[in-house]
């Protein structure tokens, strides 16, 4: 299992695929991310779709999210259509879009 980190001073334009790995976004990604887990840190931004087992958003994301477990921290700013089995949201997190929680 590998962990890929997009640091604060890095901007990626294009899609990221890490089937069995983890992706930490501290900088900016313009494109889709497909991974085992995705963590968008405070100050990080993803403009594109995220598909992963586990998604944790502390920063900003716009696009689409499809995952098993979605966690929105207090600083999260999400503009996306979301499909998730479970959703955990802290007070202060913002989510705009269509949300489908499938359970299980």
N, C-alpha and C. Protein backbone atom coordinates (compact mmCIF):
# COMPACT_ATOMS: atom_id res chain seq x y z
N UNK A 1 0.86 -1.17 0.00
CA UNK A 1 0.00 0.00 0.00
C UNK A 1 0.90 1.24 0.00
N UNK A 2 0.66 2.13 -0.94
CA UNK A 2 1.48 3.33 -1.06
C UNK A 2 0.66 4.57 -0.75
N UNK A 3 1.35 5.62 -0.32
CA UNK A 3 0.70 6.90 -0.03
C UNK A 3 1.35 7.95 -0.92
N UNK A 4 0.53 8.59 -1.74
CA UNK A 4 1.00 9.67 -2.61
C UNK A 4 0.54 10.99 -2.02
N UNK A 5 1.47 11.95 -1.93
CA UNK A 5 1.17 13.24 -1.31
C UNK A 5 1.37 14.35 -2.33
N UNK A 6 0.32 15.15 -2.53
CA UNK A 6 0.42 16.34 -3.35
C UNK A 6 0.61 17.49 -2.37
N UNK A 7 1.83 18.00 -2.30
CA UNK A 7 2.19 19.01 -1.30
C UNK A 7 1.57 20.38 -1.61
N UNK A 8 1.65 21.29 -0.64
CA UNK A 8 1.01 22.60 -0.72
C UNK A 8 1.41 23.40 -1.95
N UNK A 9 2.65 23.28 -2.38
CA UNK A 9 3.14 24.09 -3.50
C UNK A 9 2.99 23.39 -4.85
N UNK A 10 2.22 22.29 -4.90
CA UNK A 10 2.10 21.50 -6.12
C UNK A 10 0.69 21.56 -6.68
N UNK A 11 0.58 21.77 -8.00
CA UNK A 11 -0.69 21.72 -8.70
C UNK A 11 -0.60 20.62 -9.75
N UNK A 12 -1.55 19.70 -9.72
CA UNK A 12 -1.62 18.61 -10.68
C UNK A 12 -2.80 18.87 -11.60
N UNK A 13 -2.55 18.87 -12.91
CA UNK A 13 -3.62 18.98 -13.89
C UNK A 13 -3.68 17.67 -14.64
N UNK A 14 -4.71 16.90 -14.37
CA UNK A 14 -4.87 15.58 -14.98
C UNK A 14 -5.42 14.61 -13.95
N UNK A 15 -5.78 13.44 -14.41
CA UNK A 15 -6.38 12.44 -13.53
C UNK A 15 -5.31 11.66 -12.77
N UNK A 16 -5.67 11.22 -11.56
CA UNK A 16 -4.78 10.44 -10.71
C UNK A 16 -5.46 9.10 -10.44
N UNK A 17 -4.75 8.00 -10.67
CA UNK A 17 -5.27 6.67 -10.39
C UNK A 17 -4.24 5.93 -9.53
N UNK A 18 -4.68 5.50 -8.34
CA UNK A 18 -3.84 4.75 -7.43
C UNK A 18 -4.73 3.68 -6.78
N UNK A 19 -5.01 2.63 -7.54
CA UNK A 19 -6.02 1.63 -7.17
C UNK A 19 -5.89 1.12 -5.74
N UNK A 20 -4.69 0.74 -5.32
CA UNK A 20 -4.51 0.18 -3.98
C UNK A 20 -3.79 1.13 -3.03
N UNK A 21 -3.66 2.39 -3.41
CA UNK A 21 -2.92 3.34 -2.60
C UNK A 21 -3.81 4.40 -1.98
N UNK A 22 -3.16 5.31 -1.29
CA UNK A 22 -3.83 6.43 -0.63
C UNK A 22 -3.30 7.72 -1.25
N UNK A 23 -4.17 8.71 -1.38
CA UNK A 23 -3.77 10.00 -1.94
C UNK A 23 -4.09 11.09 -0.92
N UNK A 24 -3.07 11.88 -0.55
CA UNK A 24 -3.23 13.03 0.32
C UNK A 24 -3.09 14.28 -0.54
N UNK A 25 -4.08 15.16 -0.50
CA UNK A 25 -4.05 16.39 -1.28
C UNK A 25 -3.88 17.56 -0.33
N UNK A 26 -2.70 18.16 -0.36
CA UNK A 26 -2.43 19.37 0.42
C UNK A 26 -2.35 20.57 -0.51
N UNK A 27 -2.13 20.30 -1.80
CA UNK A 27 -2.06 21.33 -2.83
C UNK A 27 -3.36 21.35 -3.62
N UNK A 28 -3.23 21.35 -4.97
CA UNK A 28 -4.41 21.45 -5.82
C UNK A 28 -4.37 20.39 -6.91
N UNK A 29 -5.52 19.76 -7.14
CA UNK A 29 -5.68 18.79 -8.22
C UNK A 29 -6.84 19.25 -9.09
N UNK A 30 -6.58 19.41 -10.38
CA UNK A 30 -7.62 19.68 -11.36
C UNK A 30 -7.73 18.43 -12.21
N UNK A 31 -8.66 17.58 -11.86
CA UNK A 31 -8.83 16.29 -12.53
C UNK A 31 -9.45 15.30 -11.55
N UNK A 32 -9.72 14.12 -12.03
CA UNK A 32 -10.37 13.10 -11.22
C UNK A 32 -9.34 12.29 -10.44
N UNK A 33 -9.76 11.79 -9.26
CA UNK A 33 -8.91 10.94 -8.43
C UNK A 33 -9.64 9.63 -8.18
N UNK A 34 -8.98 8.51 -8.48
CA UNK A 34 -9.49 7.18 -8.16
C UNK A 34 -8.43 6.49 -7.31
N UNK A 35 -8.82 6.12 -6.08
CA UNK A 35 -7.84 5.56 -5.14
C UNK A 35 -8.56 4.75 -4.07
N UNK A 36 -7.77 4.06 -3.24
CA UNK A 36 -8.35 3.35 -2.10
C UNK A 36 -8.89 4.35 -1.08
N UNK A 37 -8.09 5.40 -0.80
CA UNK A 37 -8.56 6.47 0.09
C UNK A 37 -8.02 7.80 -0.40
N UNK A 38 -8.80 8.86 -0.15
CA UNK A 38 -8.41 10.21 -0.52
C UNK A 38 -8.63 11.11 0.69
N UNK A 39 -7.61 11.90 1.02
CA UNK A 39 -7.67 12.85 2.14
C UNK A 39 -7.33 14.23 1.59
N UNK A 40 -8.31 15.13 1.58
CA UNK A 40 -8.09 16.50 1.13
C UNK A 40 -7.89 17.35 2.38
N UNK A 41 -6.66 17.79 2.61
CA UNK A 41 -6.30 18.51 3.82
C UNK A 41 -6.75 19.97 3.77
N UNK A 42 -6.69 20.66 4.91
CA UNK A 42 -6.98 22.09 4.97
C UNK A 42 -6.03 22.79 4.01
N UNK A 43 -6.56 23.65 3.15
CA UNK A 43 -5.75 24.32 2.14
C UNK A 43 -5.66 23.55 0.85
N UNK A 44 -6.04 22.27 0.86
CA UNK A 44 -6.05 21.45 -0.35
C UNK A 44 -7.33 21.66 -1.12
N UNK A 45 -7.26 21.42 -2.43
CA UNK A 45 -8.43 21.60 -3.29
C UNK A 45 -8.42 20.57 -4.41
N UNK A 46 -9.61 19.98 -4.67
CA UNK A 46 -9.79 19.07 -5.79
C UNK A 46 -10.94 19.59 -6.64
N UNK A 47 -10.65 19.87 -7.91
CA UNK A 47 -11.68 20.24 -8.87
C UNK A 47 -11.82 19.07 -9.83
N UNK A 48 -12.70 18.15 -9.47
CA UNK A 48 -12.89 16.93 -10.25
C UNK A 48 -13.56 15.88 -9.39
N UNK A 49 -13.83 14.74 -9.99
CA UNK A 49 -14.51 13.65 -9.29
C UNK A 49 -13.53 12.88 -8.40
N UNK A 50 -14.05 12.38 -7.28
CA UNK A 50 -13.29 11.51 -6.39
C UNK A 50 -14.05 10.20 -6.26
N UNK A 51 -13.34 9.09 -6.50
CA UNK A 51 -13.91 7.77 -6.30
C UNK A 51 -12.93 6.96 -5.46
N UNK A 52 -13.38 6.55 -4.26
CA UNK A 52 -12.52 5.84 -3.33
C UNK A 52 -13.37 5.10 -2.30
N UNK A 53 -12.73 4.19 -1.56
CA UNK A 53 -13.43 3.55 -0.46
C UNK A 53 -13.71 4.55 0.65
N UNK A 54 -12.66 5.30 1.02
CA UNK A 54 -12.75 6.27 2.12
C UNK A 54 -12.33 7.64 1.63
N UNK A 55 -13.17 8.65 1.90
CA UNK A 55 -12.86 10.03 1.51
C UNK A 55 -13.01 10.91 2.75
N UNK A 56 -11.96 11.70 3.02
CA UNK A 56 -11.98 12.64 4.14
C UNK A 56 -11.67 14.02 3.57
N UNK A 57 -12.59 14.97 3.78
CA UNK A 57 -12.42 16.32 3.23
C UNK A 57 -12.27 17.31 4.39
N UNK A 58 -11.14 18.01 4.40
CA UNK A 58 -10.92 19.12 5.32
C UNK A 58 -10.82 20.43 4.54
N UNK A 59 -10.49 20.31 3.26
CA UNK A 59 -10.31 21.48 2.40
C UNK A 59 -11.52 21.66 1.50
N UNK A 60 -11.28 21.84 0.18
CA UNK A 60 -12.35 22.13 -0.77
C UNK A 60 -12.38 21.08 -1.87
N UNK A 61 -13.59 20.79 -2.35
CA UNK A 61 -13.77 19.85 -3.45
C UNK A 61 -15.00 20.27 -4.24
N UNK A 62 -14.88 20.19 -5.57
CA UNK A 62 -16.05 20.40 -6.42
C UNK A 62 -16.03 19.34 -7.51
N UNK A 63 -17.19 18.81 -7.82
CA UNK A 63 -17.29 17.74 -8.81
C UNK A 63 -18.26 16.69 -8.34
N UNK A 64 -17.78 15.46 -8.22
CA UNK A 64 -18.61 14.34 -7.80
C UNK A 64 -17.80 13.50 -6.82
N UNK A 65 -18.49 12.90 -5.84
CA UNK A 65 -17.84 11.99 -4.89
C UNK A 65 -18.63 10.68 -4.86
N UNK A 66 -17.91 9.57 -5.04
CA UNK A 66 -18.51 8.24 -4.91
C UNK A 66 -17.60 7.43 -4.00
N UNK A 67 -18.14 7.00 -2.84
CA UNK A 67 -17.31 6.30 -1.87
C UNK A 67 -18.17 5.46 -0.93
N UNK A 68 -17.48 4.66 -0.12
CA UNK A 68 -18.16 3.90 0.92
C UNK A 68 -18.34 4.76 2.16
N UNK A 69 -17.28 5.48 2.55
CA UNK A 69 -17.31 6.29 3.77
C UNK A 69 -16.82 7.70 3.47
N UNK A 70 -17.68 8.69 3.74
CA UNK A 70 -17.33 10.09 3.53
C UNK A 70 -17.32 10.81 4.87
N UNK A 71 -16.23 11.51 5.14
CA UNK A 71 -16.09 12.28 6.37
C UNK A 71 -15.81 13.73 6.01
N UNK A 72 -16.66 14.64 6.48
CA UNK A 72 -16.49 16.07 6.24
C UNK A 72 -16.09 16.74 7.55
N UNK A 73 -14.88 17.30 7.57
CA UNK A 73 -14.38 17.99 8.76
C UNK A 73 -14.97 19.41 8.80
N UNK A 74 -14.76 20.12 9.89
CA UNK A 74 -15.37 21.43 10.12
C UNK A 74 -15.05 22.45 9.03
N UNK A 75 -13.86 22.39 8.42
CA UNK A 75 -13.46 23.37 7.40
C UNK A 75 -13.85 22.96 5.98
N UNK A 76 -14.51 21.84 5.80
CA UNK A 76 -14.80 21.31 4.47
C UNK A 76 -15.75 22.22 3.69
N UNK A 77 -15.43 22.41 2.41
CA UNK A 77 -16.31 23.13 1.48
C UNK A 77 -16.47 22.25 0.25
N UNK A 78 -17.63 21.60 0.13
CA UNK A 78 -17.86 20.64 -0.94
C UNK A 78 -19.04 21.09 -1.79
N UNK A 79 -18.81 21.14 -3.11
CA UNK A 79 -19.87 21.39 -4.09
C UNK A 79 -19.85 20.19 -5.01
N UNK A 80 -20.66 19.18 -4.69
CA UNK A 80 -20.58 17.92 -5.42
C UNK A 80 -21.87 17.13 -5.28
N UNK A 81 -22.11 16.26 -6.25
CA UNK A 81 -23.12 15.22 -6.10
C UNK A 81 -22.43 14.06 -5.41
N UNK A 82 -23.02 13.59 -4.32
CA UNK A 82 -22.37 12.59 -3.46
C UNK A 82 -23.19 11.30 -3.43
N UNK A 83 -22.49 10.18 -3.62
CA UNK A 83 -23.06 8.86 -3.38
C UNK A 83 -22.12 8.17 -2.40
N UNK A 84 -22.64 7.84 -1.21
CA UNK A 84 -21.81 7.22 -0.17
C UNK A 84 -22.67 6.25 0.64
N UNK A 85 -21.99 5.26 1.22
CA UNK A 85 -22.70 4.35 2.13
C UNK A 85 -22.94 5.03 3.47
N UNK A 86 -21.91 5.76 3.96
CA UNK A 86 -22.05 6.48 5.23
C UNK A 86 -21.48 7.88 5.09
N UNK A 87 -22.03 8.80 5.88
CA UNK A 87 -21.58 10.18 5.88
C UNK A 87 -21.43 10.66 7.31
N UNK A 88 -20.25 11.20 7.63
CA UNK A 88 -20.00 11.82 8.93
C UNK A 88 -19.65 13.27 8.66
N UNK A 89 -20.33 14.19 9.34
CA UNK A 89 -20.09 15.61 9.10
C UNK A 89 -19.95 16.36 10.42
N UNK A 90 -18.86 17.13 10.54
CA UNK A 90 -18.66 17.96 11.71
C UNK A 90 -19.41 19.28 11.54
N UNK A 91 -19.73 19.91 12.65
CA UNK A 91 -20.37 21.22 12.63
C UNK A 91 -19.46 22.21 11.91
N UNK A 92 -20.01 22.95 10.96
CA UNK A 92 -19.24 23.93 10.20
C UNK A 92 -18.93 23.49 8.79
N UNK A 93 -19.02 22.19 8.52
CA UNK A 93 -18.77 21.69 7.17
C UNK A 93 -19.89 22.15 6.24
N UNK A 94 -19.53 22.46 4.99
CA UNK A 94 -20.53 22.90 4.01
C UNK A 94 -20.57 21.93 2.85
N UNK A 95 -21.80 21.53 2.47
CA UNK A 95 -22.00 20.60 1.38
C UNK A 95 -23.18 21.10 0.55
N UNK A 96 -22.93 21.35 -0.74
CA UNK A 96 -23.97 21.77 -1.67
C UNK A 96 -23.99 20.76 -2.80
N UNK A 97 -25.15 20.16 -3.05
CA UNK A 97 -25.27 19.19 -4.13
C UNK A 97 -26.26 18.11 -3.76
N UNK A 98 -26.44 17.18 -4.67
CA UNK A 98 -27.32 16.05 -4.46
C UNK A 98 -26.59 15.00 -3.63
N UNK A 99 -27.26 14.52 -2.57
CA UNK A 99 -26.62 13.57 -1.66
C UNK A 99 -27.47 12.30 -1.60
N UNK A 100 -26.81 11.16 -1.84
CA UNK A 100 -27.47 9.86 -1.75
C UNK A 100 -26.67 8.99 -0.79
N UNK A 101 -27.26 8.67 0.36
CA UNK A 101 -26.63 7.79 1.36
C UNK A 101 -27.30 6.43 1.23
N UNK A 102 -26.50 5.42 0.85
CA UNK A 102 -27.06 4.11 0.55
C UNK A 102 -27.11 3.18 1.75
N UNK A 103 -26.40 3.53 2.84
CA UNK A 103 -26.38 2.66 4.02
C UNK A 103 -25.52 1.43 3.79
N UNK A 104 -25.43 0.62 4.82
CA UNK A 104 -24.72 -0.64 4.67
C UNK A 104 -23.32 -0.54 5.09
